[in-house]
Protein backbone atom coordinates (compact mmCIF):
# COMPACT_ATOMS: atom_id res chain seq x y z
CA MET A 1 18.91 11.32 -0.89
CA LYS A 2 20.12 8.19 0.94
CA THR A 3 18.87 4.75 -0.04
CA VAL A 4 17.27 2.70 2.73
CA LEU A 5 16.53 -0.46 0.73
CA ASP A 6 17.98 -1.57 -2.59
CA ILE A 7 16.98 -4.92 -4.09
CA HIS A 8 18.42 -6.39 -7.29
CA GLY A 9 17.48 -9.54 -9.19
CA LEU A 10 15.60 -11.18 -6.33
CA SER A 11 14.04 -14.58 -7.05
CA LYS A 12 12.29 -17.09 -4.80
CA ASN A 13 10.67 -20.43 -5.64
CA PHE A 14 8.43 -22.68 -3.56
CA ASP A 15 8.05 -26.26 -4.82
CA LYS A 16 9.36 -25.20 -8.25
CA GLN A 17 6.77 -22.42 -8.46
CA ALA A 18 8.23 -18.94 -8.99
CA ILE A 19 6.95 -16.55 -6.30
CA LEU A 20 9.43 -13.74 -6.98
CA GLN A 21 11.23 -13.35 -10.31
CA ASP A 22 14.20 -11.06 -10.94
CA LEU A 23 12.68 -8.39 -8.70
CA HIS A 24 14.19 -4.89 -8.44
CA LEU A 25 13.08 -2.27 -5.91
CA THR A 26 14.49 0.91 -4.32
CA ILE A 27 13.23 2.79 -1.26
CA ARG A 28 14.80 6.12 -0.33
CA GLU A 29 15.09 7.81 3.03
CA GLY A 30 11.87 9.61 3.94
CA ASP A 31 9.65 7.62 1.57
CA ILE A 32 6.26 6.23 2.41
CA TYR A 33 6.47 3.46 -0.17
CA GLY A 34 3.28 1.69 -1.20
CA LEU A 35 3.84 -1.88 -2.39
CA ILE A 36 0.81 -2.68 -4.55
CA GLY A 37 -0.22 -6.14 -5.62
CA LYS A 38 -3.09 -8.59 -5.80
CA ASN A 39 -3.39 -11.25 -3.12
CA GLY A 40 -0.78 -13.86 -3.97
CA ALA A 41 1.43 -11.46 -5.93
CA GLY A 42 4.39 -12.08 -3.59
CA LYS A 43 4.16 -9.07 -1.25
CA THR A 44 4.47 -11.00 2.02
CA THR A 45 7.21 -13.25 0.63
CA LEU A 46 9.22 -10.17 -0.34
CA ILE A 47 8.78 -8.60 3.10
CA LYS A 48 9.84 -11.84 4.80
CA ILE A 49 13.00 -11.89 2.70
CA ILE A 50 13.80 -8.26 3.57
CA THR A 51 13.48 -9.13 7.28
CA GLN A 52 15.36 -12.47 6.91
CA LEU A 53 12.39 -14.63 7.85
CA LEU A 54 12.94 -16.24 4.44
CA PHE A 55 15.95 -16.29 2.15
CA ALA A 56 15.96 -15.73 -1.59
CA ASP A 57 17.26 -18.22 -4.14
CA LYS A 58 18.94 -15.44 -6.14
CA GLY A 59 19.56 -11.73 -5.93
CA THR A 60 20.82 -9.18 -3.41
CA VAL A 61 19.26 -7.11 -0.63
CA SER A 62 21.07 -4.01 0.62
CA LEU A 63 19.58 -2.48 3.77
CA PHE A 64 21.03 0.88 4.85
CA SER A 65 23.86 0.33 2.32
CA SER A 66 24.81 -3.10 3.72
CA GLN A 67 27.35 -4.93 1.56
CA THR A 68 27.35 -8.36 3.21
CA GLU A 69 24.76 -10.65 4.77
CA ASN A 70 26.24 -9.95 8.21
CA GLU A 71 25.88 -6.18 7.68
CA TRP A 72 22.32 -6.74 6.47
CA THR A 73 21.55 -8.69 9.66
CA LYS A 74 22.98 -5.89 11.82
CA ALA A 75 20.99 -3.29 9.85
CA LEU A 76 17.76 -5.09 10.83
CA SER A 77 18.20 -3.58 14.32
CA ARG A 78 17.07 -0.32 12.67
CA VAL A 79 13.89 -1.93 11.29
CA GLY A 80 10.47 -2.43 12.89
CA SER A 81 7.89 -4.63 11.23
CA VAL A 82 4.38 -6.05 11.48
CA ILE A 83 4.09 -9.00 9.10
CA GLU A 84 0.77 -10.74 8.35
CA SER A 85 -0.67 -10.10 11.85
CA PRO A 86 0.54 -8.53 15.13
CA VAL A 87 2.37 -10.94 17.44
CA ALA A 88 1.22 -10.37 21.03
CA HIS A 89 0.21 -12.42 24.06
CA ASN A 90 -3.56 -12.90 24.25
CA HIS A 91 -3.73 -12.83 28.06
CA LEU A 92 -1.69 -9.61 28.49
CA THR A 93 -2.76 -5.96 28.37
CA ALA A 94 -1.22 -3.47 25.94
CA TYR A 95 1.15 -2.24 28.66
CA GLN A 96 2.12 -5.78 29.71
CA ASN A 97 2.81 -6.82 26.11
CA LEU A 98 5.11 -3.83 25.59
CA LYS A 99 6.77 -4.54 28.95
CA TYR A 100 7.52 -8.07 27.77
CA TYR A 101 9.10 -6.86 24.52
CA CYS A 102 11.13 -4.19 26.31
CA MET A 103 12.49 -6.90 28.59
CA ILE A 104 13.57 -9.31 25.84
CA ARG A 105 15.06 -6.44 23.78
CA HIS A 106 16.84 -4.92 26.80
CA ILE A 107 15.29 -1.49 26.18
CA PRO A 108 16.24 1.01 28.94
CA ASN A 109 13.75 3.33 30.67
CA ALA A 110 11.04 0.86 29.75
CA ASP A 111 8.18 2.50 31.65
CA GLN A 112 8.72 5.87 29.97
CA VAL A 113 9.19 4.31 26.54
CA ILE A 114 6.01 2.23 26.93
CA ARG A 115 3.86 5.17 28.03
CA GLU A 116 5.16 7.38 25.21
CA THR A 117 4.58 4.63 22.65
CA LEU A 118 1.07 3.80 23.86
CA ASP A 119 0.20 7.49 23.72
CA TYR A 120 1.58 7.78 20.19
CA VAL A 121 -0.53 4.91 18.85
CA GLY A 122 -3.64 5.87 20.83
CA LEU A 123 -3.75 2.96 23.30
CA THR A 124 -3.32 4.77 26.62
CA ASP A 125 -6.89 4.14 27.77
CA THR A 126 -7.12 0.37 27.29
CA GLY A 127 -6.68 -0.29 31.02
CA LYS A 128 -6.96 -3.96 31.99
CA LYS A 129 -8.39 -5.09 28.65
CA VAL A 130 -6.27 -7.95 27.32
CA PHE A 131 -5.13 -8.45 23.73
CA ARG A 132 -7.67 -11.19 22.93
CA ASP A 133 -10.47 -8.69 23.62
CA PHE A 134 -9.04 -5.93 21.42
CA SER A 135 -10.77 -4.81 18.24
CA LEU A 136 -8.88 -5.45 15.00
CA GLY A 137 -7.85 -1.79 14.86
CA MET A 138 -6.50 -1.92 18.43
CA LYS A 139 -4.55 -5.08 17.61
CA GLN A 140 -2.98 -3.39 14.58
CA ARG A 141 -2.02 -0.37 16.68
CA LEU A 142 -0.44 -2.57 19.34
CA GLY A 143 1.52 -4.37 16.63
CA ILE A 144 2.84 -1.03 15.42
CA ALA A 145 3.61 -0.02 19.03
CA ILE A 146 5.71 -3.18 19.45
CA ALA A 147 7.54 -2.36 16.21
CA LEU A 148 8.20 1.22 17.42
CA LEU A 149 9.73 0.27 20.79
CA SER A 150 13.26 0.12 19.38
CA LYS A 151 12.93 3.54 17.68
CA PRO A 152 13.31 2.18 14.13
CA ASP A 153 14.45 4.21 11.15
CA PHE A 154 12.50 1.94 8.77
CA LEU A 155 9.01 0.55 9.44
CA ILE A 156 7.55 -2.32 7.37
CA LEU A 157 3.81 -3.01 7.52
CA ASP A 158 2.22 -5.94 5.69
CA GLU A 159 -1.46 -5.35 4.74
CA PRO A 160 -2.04 -3.20 7.87
CA ILE A 161 -5.53 -1.93 6.99
CA ASN A 162 -7.12 -5.27 6.12
CA GLY A 163 -10.43 -5.54 7.93
CA LEU A 164 -10.35 -2.08 9.50
CA ASP A 165 -13.51 0.03 9.50
CA PRO A 166 -13.43 3.54 7.92
CA ILE A 167 -12.61 5.23 11.25
CA GLY A 168 -9.80 2.75 11.92
CA ILE A 169 -8.38 3.31 8.44
CA LYS A 170 -8.39 7.09 8.89
CA GLU A 171 -6.70 6.80 12.30
CA PHE A 172 -4.07 4.50 10.80
CA ARG A 173 -3.41 6.92 7.94
CA LEU A 174 -2.93 9.88 10.28
CA MET A 175 -0.60 7.84 12.51
CA ILE A 176 1.57 6.80 9.56
CA GLN A 177 1.83 10.39 8.35
CA ARG A 178 2.86 11.52 11.84
CA LEU A 179 5.53 8.82 12.10
CA ASN A 180 6.95 9.86 8.76
CA GLN A 181 6.76 13.63 9.22
CA GLU A 182 7.48 13.99 12.95
CA GLN A 183 9.92 11.13 13.53
CA GLY A 184 11.41 10.87 10.04
CA ILE A 185 10.68 7.15 9.75
CA THR A 186 10.85 5.65 6.26
CA ILE A 187 7.86 3.35 5.78
CA LEU A 188 7.03 0.42 3.49
CA ILE A 189 3.32 -0.50 3.37
CA SER A 190 2.02 -3.42 1.35
CA SER A 191 -1.66 -3.36 0.44
CA HIS A 192 -4.24 -4.17 -2.21
CA ILE A 193 -6.53 -1.35 -0.99
CA LEU A 194 -5.24 1.21 -3.45
CA SER A 195 -7.55 4.11 -2.67
CA GLU A 196 -6.20 4.31 0.89
CA LEU A 197 -2.60 3.66 -0.11
CA TYR A 198 -2.80 6.59 -2.52
CA LEU A 199 -3.73 8.95 0.34
CA VAL A 200 -0.66 8.12 2.42
CA ALA A 201 2.20 7.01 0.12
CA ASN A 202 4.50 9.21 -1.96
CA ARG A 203 6.03 6.38 -4.05
CA PHE A 204 4.58 3.14 -5.35
CA GLY A 205 5.91 -0.19 -6.54
CA ILE A 206 3.51 -2.34 -8.55
CA LEU A 207 4.08 -6.06 -8.00
CA ASP A 208 2.63 -8.55 -10.45
CA GLN A 209 3.49 -12.22 -10.91
CA GLY A 210 6.57 -11.88 -8.72
CA LYS A 211 8.04 -8.80 -10.42
CA VAL A 212 7.94 -5.09 -9.67
CA ILE A 213 6.67 -4.04 -13.09
CA ARG A 214 6.64 -0.33 -12.33
CA GLU A 215 7.96 2.09 -9.70
CA ILE A 216 6.35 5.52 -9.80
CA SER A 217 6.09 8.56 -7.54
CA LYS A 218 2.74 10.14 -6.73
CA ALA A 219 3.83 13.26 -8.64
CA GLU A 220 4.71 11.17 -11.72
CA PHE A 221 1.40 9.32 -11.51
CA GLU A 222 -0.57 12.56 -11.36
CA THR A 223 1.29 13.79 -14.46
CA LEU A 224 0.68 10.55 -16.38
CA SER A 225 -2.90 9.86 -15.28
CA GLU A 226 -5.41 10.26 -18.08
CA ASP A 227 -8.49 12.45 -18.05
CA TYR A 228 -11.62 10.88 -19.49
CA ILE A 229 -15.38 11.28 -19.76
CA VAL A 230 -17.64 8.85 -17.90
CA LEU A 231 -20.90 7.99 -19.67
CA LYS A 232 -23.61 5.91 -18.01
CA THR A 233 -26.44 4.65 -20.17
CA ALA A 234 -28.75 1.65 -20.31
CA ASP A 235 -28.29 1.53 -24.10
CA GLN A 236 -24.57 0.76 -24.19
CA GLU A 237 -24.56 -1.00 -27.55
CA LYS A 238 -26.14 1.94 -29.38
CA ALA A 239 -24.00 4.47 -27.50
CA CYS A 240 -20.83 2.62 -28.50
CA GLN A 241 -21.94 2.60 -32.13
CA VAL A 242 -22.45 6.39 -32.07
CA LEU A 243 -19.08 6.97 -30.38
CA LYS A 244 -17.34 4.82 -32.97
CA GLU A 245 -19.07 6.10 -36.11
CA GLN A 246 -20.02 9.72 -35.36
CA ILE A 247 -17.55 11.01 -32.76
CA GLN A 248 -14.49 8.82 -33.42
CA LEU A 249 -13.06 9.04 -29.91
CA GLN A 250 -11.35 6.13 -28.16
CA PHE A 251 -13.48 4.51 -25.47
CA LYS A 252 -13.87 1.34 -23.43
CA VAL A 253 -16.82 -0.31 -21.68
CA VAL A 254 -16.15 -0.79 -17.97
CA ASN A 255 -17.87 -3.66 -16.18
CA PRO A 256 -19.55 -4.38 -13.80
CA GLU A 257 -20.34 -0.67 -13.38
CA ASN A 258 -21.82 -0.51 -16.90
CA GLU A 259 -19.90 2.64 -17.63
CA ILE A 260 -18.29 3.79 -20.85
CA HIS A 261 -15.00 5.65 -20.45
CA ILE A 262 -14.38 8.03 -23.36
CA PHE A 263 -10.84 9.32 -23.78
CA GLY A 264 -11.40 12.91 -24.79
CA GLN A 265 -11.26 16.46 -23.46
CA GLU A 266 -13.81 18.31 -21.38
CA GLN A 267 -14.94 20.27 -24.43
CA ASP A 268 -15.89 16.99 -26.15
CA VAL A 269 -18.79 16.50 -23.72
CA LYS A 270 -21.06 18.86 -25.70
CA GLN A 271 -20.48 16.97 -28.94
CA ILE A 272 -21.05 13.63 -27.23
CA LEU A 273 -24.32 14.86 -25.73
CA LYS A 274 -25.44 16.22 -29.09
CA GLU A 275 -24.72 13.06 -31.09
CA LEU A 276 -26.20 10.71 -28.48
CA THR A 277 -29.35 12.84 -28.22
CA LEU A 278 -29.75 12.83 -32.03
CA ALA A 279 -29.45 9.05 -31.94
CA ASP A 280 -32.11 8.80 -29.19
CA VAL A 281 -29.67 7.33 -26.66
CA ALA A 282 -30.94 7.94 -23.10
CA ILE A 283 -28.12 9.29 -20.92
CA ASP A 284 -28.27 8.47 -17.20
CA GLU A 285 -25.10 10.37 -16.29
CA ILE A 286 -22.09 12.01 -17.93
CA TYR A 287 -19.13 13.71 -16.25
CA TYR A 288 -15.42 14.43 -16.55
CA ALA A 289 -13.02 12.33 -14.46
CA ARG A 290 -9.36 11.49 -13.93
CA GLN A 291 -7.77 8.06 -13.81
CA ASN A 292 -7.15 6.81 -10.27
CA LEU A 293 -4.43 4.52 -8.97
CA GLU A 294 -6.66 1.44 -9.07
CA GLU A 295 -7.43 1.96 -12.77
CA TYR A 296 -3.74 2.55 -13.52
CA PHE A 297 -2.82 -0.64 -11.65
CA THR A 298 -5.50 -2.64 -13.47
CA GLN A 299 -4.27 -1.45 -16.88
CA LEU A 300 -0.70 -2.49 -16.05
CA VAL A 301 -1.52 -6.00 -14.83
CA GLU A 302 -4.25 -6.91 -17.34
C-alpha cells in the first residue's frame, strides 16, 4: 500500500517552548487517520507544517513520496484542507464563494464543478443565504466544499466537528465515509472528540506533549482493548475492601462517575455479587463492558 504522508523526527519550538518533539507519523493511501490529542497537544501546529503554513525546526515531511522541499510544495496541489476554521467571504453565498475559489485556482468547467460539489456536501438549497448567516455545520460543509474543488487525493481536516450538534456530526461522518469509499480520498482528521473519531477512522495516532506516542489501527485496538466489569455503588470504600481482600481482582475507582472498574471475566460477576451481598454492600448497577478509545487514550497520556 502506498504511503501518502511520512514524517520523521519533526520538532517545532515557539519561544523556546517545545510544541512538537521528534514526531514520527505515517498515513497510507486509503486511510481515514484520526489524530487524537488534548487541546494544546500540537495537532494544529503539525497540520500547519504538513501544509507549509509553518516550517519545522528539525525533521522531514514526505508527501506522496516527495524527496525535496520543492517536490513537497508541488505535492500540496493534491491536498485539500480546512485548518482551524473555514475561510470564506461573509457577504457571499455558497455558490459565490466556490465561484471565487474556482476563479483564483483556474478550475475549468466551474459551474458544473460547483454544482456537483455543493450537491456532494449538501448545500444545494442554501439559495441567497450568505456565509455569515450559515449555521456552524453549514460553514464546516462549505469549508470542505472549498477543499474539494481541486479534486484532492488527500484531505486534511482540523477539529471539524467542534461545536456541531448531533445531527451535524452524523451528517459529517457520513460525508467523510462517502469521500473515502466513493472517491478514494485519504483523510486526516484531528479531534479530541474520540467517540466520534472512532466511528469514522480506521487508524489512529495519539499525540501527547508534542509526540505521537502510539499509532494503532482500529482492528489492533479492538484486539488489545480490555474487557472489564463496571460496578456502581454508594459504598465505594467498603466495596473496594471486599474486592481487595475477598475476590483479589485488579480494579480501579473511576471519578467523577463514581464507578469501580474490575478487571475480570464475565463469569466473575456472580462471585462479585455474592461477596458484596455477604458484606452488605448495596449495588446500584453492575455490568460487563469493553474499554473504549477514550479510556485507552487516557491510560496512555496519564
